[in-house]
Amino acid sequence: MENVMVIGMKTVIVVLGAVLYIALARTAIIYSLGANKSPKGSRIFFGILGVAMIYVFVHMCIYLHK
């Protein structure tokens, strides 16, 4: 029974981590597309960062599935 609880907690931590990671990537992309008064270089950096985060997440999922 303890093994089930440990596996369940690890699963919850991994799922919440993945959701947080994707949320941060989407926030970076939305920030880069926004019509705010931040410098253009900063918006470009956050756009590239967000896309890179999603790219890495997708490839990590594919790698772990194989």
PDB file of N, CA and C in Angstrom:
ATOM      1  N   MET A   1       0.819  -1.193   0.000  1.00  0.00           N
ATOM      2  CA  MET A   1       0.000   0.000   0.000  1.00  0.00           C
ATOM      3  C   MET A   1       0.862   1.255   0.000  1.00  0.00           C
ATOM      4  N   GLU A   2       1.999   1.202   0.690  1.00  0.00           N
ATOM      5  CA  GLU A   2       2.887   2.360   0.726  1.00  0.00           C
ATOM      6  C   GLU A   2       3.480   2.638  -0.646  1.00  0.00           C
ATOM      7  N   ASN A   3       3.750   1.583  -1.423  1.00  0.00           N
ATOM      8  CA  ASN A   3       4.294   1.775  -2.763  1.00  0.00           C
ATOM      9  C   ASN A   3       3.304   2.507  -3.662  1.00  0.00           C
ATOM     10  N   VAL A   4       2.029   2.219  -3.508  1.00  0.00           N
ATOM     11  CA  VAL A   4       1.004   2.889  -4.306  1.00  0.00           C
ATOM     12  C   VAL A   4       0.975   4.374  -3.973  1.00  0.00           C
ATOM     13  N   MET A   5       1.091   4.702  -2.702  1.00  0.00           N
ATOM     14  CA  MET A   5       1.098   6.103  -2.281  1.00  0.00           C
ATOM     15  C   MET A   5       2.327   6.840  -2.818  1.00  0.00           C
ATOM     16  N   VAL A   6       3.471   6.192  -2.781  1.00  0.00           N
ATOM     17  CA  VAL A   6       4.700   6.814  -3.278  1.00  0.00           C
ATOM     18  C   VAL A   6       4.596   7.048  -4.778  1.00  0.00           C
ATOM     19  N   ILE A   7       4.119   6.056  -5.512  1.00  0.00           N
ATOM     20  CA  ILE A   7       3.955   6.195  -6.960  1.00  0.00           C
ATOM     21  C   ILE A   7       2.931   7.281  -7.269  1.00  0.00           C
ATOM     22  N   GLY A   8       1.863   7.327  -6.513  1.00  0.00           N
ATOM     23  CA  GLY A   8       0.842   8.351  -6.709  1.00  0.00           C
ATOM     24  C   GLY A   8       1.376   9.752  -6.463  1.00  0.00           C
ATOM     25  N   MET A   9       2.158   9.926  -5.418  1.00  0.00           N
ATOM     26  CA  MET A   9       2.743  11.241  -5.124  1.00  0.00           C
ATOM     27  C   MET A   9       3.729  11.663  -6.209  1.00  0.00           C
ATOM     28  N   LYS A  10       4.538  10.719  -6.672  1.00  0.00           N
ATOM     29  CA  LYS A  10       5.476  11.040  -7.748  1.00  0.00           C
ATOM     30  C   LYS A  10       4.738  11.435  -9.017  1.00  0.00           C
ATOM     31  N   THR A  11       3.642  10.752  -9.311  1.00  0.00           N
ATOM     32  CA  THR A  11       2.847  11.073 -10.487  1.00  0.00           C
ATOM     33  C   THR A  11       2.248  12.470 -10.376  1.00  0.00           C
ATOM     34  N   VAL A  12       1.722  12.789  -9.205  1.00  0.00           N
ATOM     35  CA  VAL A  12       1.146  14.123  -8.989  1.00  0.00           C
ATOM     36  C   VAL A  12       2.212  15.202  -9.153  1.00  0.00           C
ATOM     37  N   ILE A  13       3.395  14.972  -8.615  1.00  0.00           N
ATOM     38  CA  ILE A  13       4.481  15.947  -8.720  1.00  0.00           C
ATOM     39  C   ILE A  13       4.901  16.133 -10.175  1.00  0.00           C
ATOM     40  N   VAL A  14       5.013  15.046 -10.933  1.00  0.00           N
ATOM     41  CA  VAL A  14       5.405  15.137 -12.341  1.00  0.00           C
ATOM     42  C   VAL A  14       4.334  15.867 -13.151  1.00  0.00           C
ATOM     43  N   VAL A  15       3.073  15.548 -12.929  1.00  0.00           N
ATOM     44  CA  VAL A  15       1.992  16.193 -13.677  1.00  0.00           C
ATOM     45  C   VAL A  15       1.930  17.688 -13.352  1.00  0.00           C
ATOM     46  N   LEU A  16       2.010  18.033 -12.076  1.00  0.00           N
ATOM     47  CA  LEU A  16       1.991  19.449 -11.702  1.00  0.00           C
ATOM     48  C   LEU A  16       3.210  20.190 -12.241  1.00  0.00           C
ATOM     49  N   GLY A  17       4.357  19.544 -12.255  1.00  0.00           N
ATOM     50  CA  GLY A  17       5.558  20.151 -12.833  1.00  0.00           C
ATOM     51  C   GLY A  17       5.405  20.399 -14.322  1.00  0.00           C
ATOM     52  N   ALA A  18       4.823  19.436 -15.033  1.00  0.00           N
ATOM     53  CA  ALA A  18       4.603  19.604 -16.475  1.00  0.00           C
ATOM     54  C   ALA A  18       3.612  20.729 -16.748  1.00  0.00           C
ATOM     55  N   VAL A  19       2.557  20.809 -15.963  1.00  0.00           N
ATOM     56  CA  VAL A  19       1.568  21.878 -16.140  1.00  0.00           C
ATOM     57  C   VAL A  19       2.198  23.238 -15.861  1.00  0.00           C
ATOM     58  N   LEU A  20       2.990  23.342 -14.815  1.00  0.00           N
ATOM     59  CA  LEU A  20       3.661  24.598 -14.497  1.00  0.00           C
ATOM     60  C   LEU A  20       4.645  24.986 -15.593  1.00  0.00           C
ATOM     61  N   TYR A  21       5.372  24.027 -16.113  1.00  0.00           N
ATOM     62  CA  TYR A  21       6.351  24.284 -17.177  1.00  0.00           C
ATOM     63  C   TYR A  21       5.656  24.830 -18.425  1.00  0.00           C
ATOM     64  N   ILE A  22       4.565  24.189 -18.838  1.00  0.00           N
ATOM     65  CA  ILE A  22       3.825  24.657 -20.013  1.00  0.00           C
ATOM     66  C   ILE A  22       3.209  26.021 -19.746  1.00  0.00           C
ATOM     67  N   ALA A  23       2.724  26.243 -18.531  1.00  0.00           N
ATOM     68  CA  ALA A  23       2.145  27.546 -18.197  1.00  0.00           C
ATOM     69  C   ALA A  23       3.199  28.651 -18.289  1.00  0.00           C
ATOM     70  N   LEU A  24       4.399  28.380 -17.817  1.00  0.00           N
ATOM     71  CA  LEU A  24       5.468  29.366 -17.922  1.00  0.00           C
ATOM     72  C   LEU A  24       5.847  29.638 -19.372  1.00  0.00           C
ATOM     73  N   ALA A  25       5.878  28.589 -20.186  1.00  0.00           N
ATOM     74  CA  ALA A  25       6.190  28.770 -21.605  1.00  0.00           C
ATOM     75  C   ALA A  25       5.111  29.600 -22.296  1.00  0.00           C
ATOM     76  N   ARG A  26       3.856  29.309 -22.009  1.00  0.00           N
ATOM     77  CA  ARG A  26       2.763  30.077 -22.625  1.00  0.00           C
ATOM     78  C   ARG A  26       2.777  31.522 -22.152  1.00  0.00           C
ATOM     79  N   THR A  27       3.100  31.740 -20.883  1.00  0.00           N
ATOM     80  CA  THR A  27       3.182  33.105 -20.367  1.00  0.00           C
ATOM     81  C   THR A  27       4.288  33.884 -21.079  1.00  0.00           C
ATOM     82  N   ALA A  28       5.420  33.234 -21.304  1.00  0.00           N
ATOM     83  CA  ALA A  28       6.523  33.901 -22.012  1.00  0.00           C
ATOM     84  C   ALA A  28       6.118  34.249 -23.434  1.00  0.00           C
ATOM     85  N   ILE A  29       5.401  33.349 -24.109  1.00  0.00           N
ATOM     86  CA  ILE A  29       4.981  33.617 -25.482  1.00  0.00           C
ATOM     87  C   ILE A  29       3.941  34.722 -25.513  1.00  0.00           C
ATOM     88  N   ILE A  30       2.968  34.675 -24.613  1.00  0.00           N
ATOM     89  CA  ILE A  30       1.932  35.709 -24.577  1.00  0.00           C
ATOM     90  C   ILE A  30       2.557  37.063 -24.243  1.00  0.00           C
ATOM     91  N   TYR A  31       3.530  37.098 -23.343  1.00  0.00           N
ATOM     92  CA  TYR A  31       4.214  38.347 -23.013  1.00  0.00           C
ATOM     93  C   TYR A  31       4.912  38.913 -24.246  1.00  0.00           C
ATOM     94  N   SER A  32       5.529  38.040 -25.025  1.00  0.00           N
ATOM     95  CA  SER A  32       6.262  38.511 -26.204  1.00  0.00           C
ATOM     96  C   SER A  32       5.323  39.031 -27.283  1.00  0.00           C
ATOM     97  N   LEU A  33       4.093  38.543 -27.321  1.00  0.00           N
ATOM     98  CA  LEU A  33       3.135  38.995 -28.327  1.00  0.00           C
ATOM     99  C   LEU A  33       2.317  40.197 -27.877  1.00  0.00           C
ATOM    100  N   GLY A  34       2.410  40.532 -26.608  1.00  0.00           N
ATOM    101  CA  GLY A  34       1.588  41.601 -26.054  1.00  0.00           C
ATOM    102  C   GLY A  34       1.982  42.978 -26.561  1.00  0.00           C
ATOM    103  N   ALA A  35       1.036  43.886 -26.480  1.00  0.00           N
ATOM    104  CA  ALA A  35       1.272  45.263 -26.906  1.00  0.00           C
ATOM    105  C   ALA A  35       1.677  46.088 -25.690  1.00  0.00           C
ATOM    106  N   ASN A  36       2.739  45.704 -25.026  1.00  0.00           N
ATOM    107  CA  ASN A  36       3.195  46.444 -23.856  1.00  0.00           C
ATOM    108  C   ASN A  36       4.357  47.350 -24.248  1.00  0.00           C
ATOM    109  N   LYS A  37       4.796  48.139 -23.323  1.00  0.00           N
ATOM    110  CA  LYS A  37       5.838  49.115 -23.615  1.00  0.00           C
ATOM    111  C   LYS A  37       7.234  48.623 -23.242  1.00  0.00           C
ATOM    112  N   SER A  38       7.386  47.327 -23.100  1.00  0.00           N
ATOM    113  CA  SER A  38       8.709  46.795 -22.786  1.00  0.00           C
ATOM    114  C   SER A  38       9.582  46.859 -24.048  1.00  0.00           C
ATOM    115  N   PRO A  39      10.884  46.860 -23.867  1.00  0.00           N
ATOM    116  CA  PRO A  39      11.782  46.929 -25.027  1.00  0.00           C
ATOM    117  C   PRO A  39      11.570  45.746 -25.970  1.00  0.00           C
ATOM    118  N   LYS A  40      11.744  46.006 -27.249  1.00  0.00           N
ATOM    119  CA  LYS A  40      11.512  44.968 -28.255  1.00  0.00           C
ATOM    120  C   LYS A  40      12.449  43.776 -28.063  1.00  0.00           C
ATOM    121  N   GLY A  41      13.690  44.033 -27.678  1.00  0.00           N
ATOM    122  CA  GLY A  41      14.646  42.943 -27.458  1.00  0.00           C
ATOM    123  C   GLY A  41      14.185  41.990 -26.371  1.00  0.00           C
ATOM    124  N   SER A  42      13.590  42.538 -25.328  1.00  0.00           N
ATOM    125  CA  SER A  42      13.076  41.709 -24.237  1.00  0.00           C
ATOM    126  C   SER A  42      11.921  40.843 -24.713  1.00  0.00           C
ATOM    127  N   ARG A  43      11.036  41.410 -25.511  1.00  0.00           N
ATOM    128  CA  ARG A  43       9.899  40.631 -26.017  1.00  0.00           C
ATOM    129  C   ARG A  43      10.368  39.531 -26.957  1.00  0.00           C
ATOM    130  N   ILE A  44      11.362  39.819 -27.777  1.00  0.00           N
ATOM    131  CA  ILE A  44      11.903  38.792 -28.688  1.00  0.00           C
ATOM    132  C   ILE A  44      12.538  37.665 -27.875  1.00  0.00           C
ATOM    133  N   PHE A  45      13.292  38.026 -26.832  1.00  0.00           N
ATOM    134  CA  PHE A  45      13.931  37.022 -25.982  1.00  0.00           C
ATOM    135  C   PHE A  45      12.891  36.104 -25.336  1.00  0.00           C
ATOM    136  N   PHE A  46      11.823  36.681 -24.771  1.00  0.00           N
ATOM    137  CA  PHE A  46      10.811  35.864 -24.107  1.00  0.00           C
ATOM    138  C   PHE A  46      10.031  35.016 -25.121  1.00  0.00           C
ATOM    139  N   GLY A  47       9.835  35.520 -26.333  1.00  0.00           N
ATOM    140  CA  GLY A  47       9.187  34.718 -27.366  1.00  0.00           C
ATOM    141  C   GLY A  47      10.011  33.502 -27.739  1.00  0.00           C
ATOM    142  N   ILE A  48      11.292  33.713 -27.932  1.00  0.00           N
ATOM    143  CA  ILE A  48      12.190  32.598 -28.258  1.00  0.00           C
ATOM    144  C   ILE A  48      12.280  31.628 -27.089  1.00  0.00           C
ATOM    145  N   LEU A  49      12.344  32.158 -25.870  1.00  0.00           N
ATOM    146  CA  LEU A  49      12.396  31.307 -24.679  1.00  0.00           C
ATOM    147  C   LEU A  49      11.149  30.442 -24.559  1.00  0.00           C
ATOM    148  N   GLY A  50       9.975  31.024 -24.761  1.00  0.00           N
ATOM    149  CA  GLY A  50       8.731  30.265 -24.665  1.00  0.00           C
ATOM    150  C   GLY A  50       8.641  29.162 -25.714  1.00  0.00           C
ATOM    151  N   VAL A  51       9.006  29.498 -26.945  1.00  0.00           N
ATOM    152  CA  VAL A  51       8.969  28.492 -28.012  1.00  0.00           C
ATOM    153  C   VAL A  51       9.981  27.384 -27.739  1.00  0.00           C
ATOM    154  N   ALA A  52      11.155  27.751 -27.258  1.00  0.00           N
ATOM    155  CA  ALA A  52      12.172  26.742 -26.936  1.00  0.00           C
ATOM    156  C   ALA A  52      11.700  25.825 -25.811  1.00  0.00           C
ATOM    157  N   MET A  53      11.014  26.397 -24.821  1.00  0.00           N
ATOM    158  CA  MET A  53      10.512  25.577 -23.716  1.00  0.00           C
ATOM    159  C   MET A  53       9.488  24.558 -24.205  1.00  0.00           C
ATOM    160  N   ILE A  54       8.572  24.986 -25.069  1.00  0.00           N
ATOM    161  CA  ILE A  54       7.579  24.049 -25.598  1.00  0.00           C
ATOM    162  C   ILE A  54       8.254  23.001 -26.486  1.00  0.00           C
ATOM    163  N   TYR A  55       9.225  23.412 -27.294  1.00  0.00           N
ATOM    164  CA  TYR A  55       9.968  22.488 -28.159  1.00  0.00           C
ATOM    165  C   TYR A  55      10.668  21.410 -27.325  1.00  0.00           C
ATOM    166  N   VAL A  56      11.336  21.821 -26.264  1.00  0.00           N
ATOM    167  CA  VAL A  56      12.040  20.873 -25.395  1.00  0.00           C
ATOM    168  C   VAL A  56      11.044  19.942 -24.704  1.00  0.00           C
ATOM    169  N   PHE A  57       9.908  20.475 -24.269  1.00  0.00           N
ATOM    170  CA  PHE A  57       8.902  19.652 -23.602  1.00  0.00           C
ATOM    171  C   PHE A  57       8.363  18.574 -24.535  1.00  0.00           C
ATOM    172  N   VAL A  58       8.057  18.938 -25.770  1.00  0.00           N
ATOM    173  CA  VAL A  58       7.531  17.961 -26.737  1.00  0.00           C
ATOM    174  C   VAL A  58       8.571  16.890 -27.027  1.00  0.00           C
ATOM    175  N   HIS A  59       9.807  17.292 -27.247  1.00  0.00           N
ATOM    176  CA  HIS A  59      10.841  16.300 -27.546  1.00  0.00           C
ATOM    177  C   HIS A  59      11.159  15.421 -26.347  1.00  0.00           C
ATOM    178  N   MET A  60      11.057  15.958 -25.145  1.00  0.00           N
ATOM    179  CA  MET A  60      11.269  15.142 -23.950  1.00  0.00           C
ATOM    180  C   MET A  60      10.156  14.107 -23.808  1.00  0.00           C
ATOM    181  N   CYS A  61       8.906  14.506 -24.099  1.00  0.00           N
ATOM    182  CA  CYS A  61       7.798  13.554 -24.059  1.00  0.00           C
ATOM    183  C   CYS A  61       7.993  12.435 -25.085  1.00  0.00           C
ATOM    184  N   ILE A  62       8.435  12.801 -26.290  1.00  0.00           N
ATOM    185  CA  ILE A  62       8.669  11.797 -27.326  1.00  0.00           C
ATOM    186  C   ILE A  62       9.809  10.860 -26.899  1.00  0.00           C
ATOM    187  N   TYR A  63      10.867  11.429 -26.330  1.00  0.00           N
ATOM    188  CA  TYR A  63      12.013  10.626 -25.881  1.00  0.00           C
ATOM    189  C   TYR A  63      11.596   9.655 -24.765  1.00  0.00           C
ATOM    190  N   LEU A  64      10.821  10.148 -23.815  1.00  0.00           N
ATOM    191  CA  LEU A  64      10.406   9.291 -22.710  1.00  0.00           C
ATOM    192  C   LEU A  64       9.426   8.219 -23.158  1.00  0.00           C
ATOM    193  N   HIS A  65       8.646   8.498 -24.208  1.00  0.00           N
ATOM    194  CA  HIS A  65       7.680   7.515 -24.696  1.00  0.00           C
ATOM    195  C   HIS A  65       8.389   6.358 -25.397  1.00  0.00           C
ATOM    196  N   LYS A  66       9.514   6.627 -26.049  1.00  0.00           N
ATOM    197  CA  LYS A  66      10.268   5.567 -26.737  1.00  0.00           C
ATOM    198  C   LYS A  66      10.932   4.744 -25.708  1.00  0.00           C
TER     199      LYS A  66
END
